[in-house]
Structures are given as C-alpha cells and as structure tokens.
Amino acid sequence: MEGEYISGVYLNATLKKLLKKHDLPDLHVHDLRHANASLLINAGVPVKFISEHLGHSNTKTTEDIYAHVYNATAEKVASAISQALDDVM
C-alpha cells in the first residue's frame, strides 16, 4: 500500500474511527493540515518553507490563507518586545 493513492473519503473515515475509538474530538484530515501550518507559523518557521511543505505555488497563498495566524503571532511578538523593553527601563 506504500506509495499508492488513498482516497480522501477513506482517509477521513479511518481518522474518524480512530478518534472515536480513543474518545477524541471529531475532526477532518484537512483540520490536521491547518493545525500543522499554524504550529509551524507559531514556531517561527519561515513562510517559504511552510509554503513548500504545504505544496502551495507561492508564499502569498500561504500568507493569505493563514493571515489570521500570522496576525496573532505578530501580536505576540509585539507584546514580547514591549515586555522586554519595560523590563530594561
């Protein structure tokens, strides 16, 4: 089965069975993709690498789709800088 096509329907159904078996929240495979991207963004991975990892044709696609995550990360950065300056002064 390695390297063979797996249908999205089969993959989602298998994931749902696994989640139910372990009493975990219901989600779709695509939700894992978004979670992966969000974690990479919050870890400070450059958008170029995230875009390539997700298979986007360019970084603008990644930035447009995940703008809300980038904005939240920017707010955290601004807050951290502000806190660091407050500590120094």
C-alpha atoms as a PDB file:
ATOM      1  CA  MET A   1       0.000   0.000   0.000  1.00  0.00           C
ATOM      2  CA  GLU A   2       3.001   2.308   0.409  1.00  0.00           C
ATOM      3  CA  GLY A   3       3.056   4.997  -2.259  1.00  0.00           C
ATOM      4  CA  GLU A   4      -0.441   4.167  -3.503  1.00  0.00           C
ATOM      5  CA  TYR A   5      -3.344   6.613  -3.772  1.00  0.00           C
ATOM      6  CA  ILE A   6      -5.602   6.826  -0.726  1.00  0.00           C
ATOM      7  CA  SER A   7      -8.988   8.434  -1.258  1.00  0.00           C
ATOM      8  CA  GLY A   8      -9.934  11.380   0.940  1.00  0.00           C
ATOM      9  CA  VAL A   9     -13.195   9.675   1.871  1.00  0.00           C
ATOM     10  CA  TYR A  10     -11.356   6.569   3.108  1.00  0.00           C
ATOM     11  CA  LEU A  11      -8.767   8.648   4.954  1.00  0.00           C
ATOM     12  CA  ASN A  12     -11.405  10.772   6.716  1.00  0.00           C
ATOM     13  CA  ALA A  13     -13.482   7.703   7.647  1.00  0.00           C
ATOM     14  CA  THR A  14     -10.419   5.951   9.062  1.00  0.00           C
ATOM     15  CA  LEU A  15      -9.418   9.041  11.035  1.00  0.00           C
ATOM     16  CA  LYS A  16     -12.948   9.416  12.436  1.00  0.00           C
ATOM     17  CA  LYS A  17     -12.965   5.773  13.608  1.00  0.00           C
ATOM     18  CA  LEU A  18      -9.597   6.256  15.281  1.00  0.00           C
ATOM     19  CA  LEU A  19     -10.703   9.465  17.010  1.00  0.00           C
ATOM     20  CA  LYS A  20     -13.957   7.883  18.200  1.00  0.00           C
ATOM     21  CA  LYS A  21     -12.130   4.777  19.461  1.00  0.00           C
ATOM     22  CA  HIS A  22      -9.885   6.961  21.612  1.00  0.00           C
ATOM     23  CA  ASP A  23     -12.665   9.370  22.661  1.00  0.00           C
ATOM     24  CA  LEU A  24     -11.037  12.332  20.913  1.00  0.00           C
ATOM     25  CA  PRO A  25     -12.807  15.323  19.308  1.00  0.00           C
ATOM     26  CA  ASP A  26     -14.201  14.862  15.809  1.00  0.00           C
ATOM     27  CA  LEU A  27     -12.210  16.497  13.019  1.00  0.00           C
ATOM     28  CA  HIS A  28     -11.273  16.080   9.378  1.00  0.00           C
ATOM     29  CA  VAL A  29      -7.877  15.333   7.842  1.00  0.00           C
ATOM     30  CA  HIS A  30      -7.826  18.859   6.431  1.00  0.00           C
ATOM     31  CA  ASP A  31      -8.058  20.193  10.007  1.00  0.00           C
ATOM     32  CA  LEU A  32      -4.717  18.490  10.668  1.00  0.00           C
ATOM     33  CA  ARG A  33      -3.220  20.343   7.710  1.00  0.00           C
ATOM     34  CA  HIS A  34      -4.341  23.676   9.158  1.00  0.00           C
ATOM     35  CA  ALA A  35      -3.099  22.723  12.625  1.00  0.00           C
ATOM     36  CA  ASN A  36       0.262  21.773  11.134  1.00  0.00           C
ATOM     37  CA  ALA A  37       0.559  25.104   9.323  1.00  0.00           C
ATOM     38  CA  SER A  38      -0.453  27.069  12.416  1.00  0.00           C
ATOM     39  CA  LEU A  39       2.099  25.263  14.586  1.00  0.00           C
ATOM     40  CA  LEU A  40       4.847  25.933  12.045  1.00  0.00           C
ATOM     41  CA  ILE A  41       3.925  29.625  11.839  1.00  0.00           C
ATOM     42  CA  ASN A  42       3.881  29.971  15.632  1.00  0.00           C
ATOM     43  CA  ALA A  43       7.249  28.204  15.820  1.00  0.00           C
ATOM     44  CA  GLY A  44       8.716  30.912  13.605  1.00  0.00           C
ATOM     45  CA  VAL A  45       9.372  28.717  10.573  1.00  0.00           C
ATOM     46  CA  PRO A  46       9.888  30.960   7.520  1.00  0.00           C
ATOM     47  CA  VAL A  47       6.856  31.217   5.241  1.00  0.00           C
ATOM     48  CA  LYS A  48       8.898  29.962   2.267  1.00  0.00           C
ATOM     49  CA  PHE A  49       9.416  26.592   3.965  1.00  0.00           C
ATOM     50  CA  ILE A  50       5.813  26.370   5.158  1.00  0.00           C
ATOM     51  CA  SER A  51       4.546  27.176   1.669  1.00  0.00           C
ATOM     52  CA  GLU A  52       6.712  24.456   0.134  1.00  0.00           C
ATOM     53  CA  HIS A  53       5.717  21.986   2.862  1.00  0.00           C
ATOM     54  CA  LEU A  54       2.031  22.588   2.157  1.00  0.00           C
ATOM     55  CA  GLY A  55       2.523  22.435  -1.609  1.00  0.00           C
ATOM     56  CA  HIS A  56       1.375  25.990  -2.249  1.00  0.00           C
ATOM     57  CA  SER A  57       2.513  27.511  -5.526  1.00  0.00           C
ATOM     58  CA  ASN A  58       3.792  30.642  -3.768  1.00  0.00           C
ATOM     59  CA  THR A  59       4.143  32.211  -0.331  1.00  0.00           C
ATOM     60  CA  LYS A  60       1.290  34.657  -0.952  1.00  0.00           C
ATOM     61  CA  THR A  61      -1.160  31.756  -0.967  1.00  0.00           C
ATOM     62  CA  THR A  62       0.116  30.631   2.427  1.00  0.00           C
ATOM     63  CA  GLU A  63       0.078  34.163   3.813  1.00  0.00           C
ATOM     64  CA  ASP A  64      -3.475  34.783   2.541  1.00  0.00           C
ATOM     65  CA  ILE A  65      -4.895  31.544   3.935  1.00  0.00           C
ATOM     66  CA  TYR A  66      -3.161  31.855   7.304  1.00  0.00           C
ATOM     67  CA  ALA A  67      -3.262  35.670   7.688  1.00  0.00           C
ATOM     68  CA  HIS A  68      -5.156  35.365  10.977  1.00  0.00           C
ATOM     69  CA  VAL A  69      -2.413  33.130  12.412  1.00  0.00           C
ATOM     70  CA  TYR A  70       0.319  35.488  11.230  1.00  0.00           C
ATOM     71  CA  ASN A  71      -1.547  38.419  12.801  1.00  0.00           C
ATOM     72  CA  ALA A  72      -1.876  36.619  16.141  1.00  0.00           C
ATOM     73  CA  THR A  73       1.822  35.732  16.058  1.00  0.00           C
ATOM     74  CA  ALA A  74       2.732  39.347  15.245  1.00  0.00           C
ATOM     75  CA  GLU A  75       0.715  40.489  18.273  1.00  0.00           C
ATOM     76  CA  LYS A  76       2.629  38.031  20.492  1.00  0.00           C
ATOM     77  CA  VAL A  77       5.937  39.313  19.122  1.00  0.00           C
ATOM     78  CA  ALA A  78       4.946  42.939  19.717  1.00  0.00           C
ATOM     79  CA  SER A  79       3.870  42.106  23.254  1.00  0.00           C
ATOM     80  CA  ALA A  80       7.137  40.262  23.967  1.00  0.00           C
ATOM     81  CA  ILE A  81       9.189  43.208  22.675  1.00  0.00           C
ATOM     82  CA  SER A  82       7.146  45.630  24.746  1.00  0.00           C
ATOM     83  CA  GLN A  83       7.619  43.486  27.849  1.00  0.00           C
ATOM     84  CA  ALA A  84      11.369  43.201  27.242  1.00  0.00           C
ATOM     85  CA  LEU A  85      11.667  46.999  26.892  1.00  0.00           C
ATOM     86  CA  ASP A  86       9.623  47.538  30.050  1.00  0.00           C
ATOM     87  CA  ASP A  87      11.965  45.203  31.937  1.00  0.00           C
ATOM     88  CA  VAL A  88      15.022  47.149  30.750  1.00  0.00           C
ATOM     89  CA  MET A  89      13.693  50.603  31.517  1.00  0.00           C
END
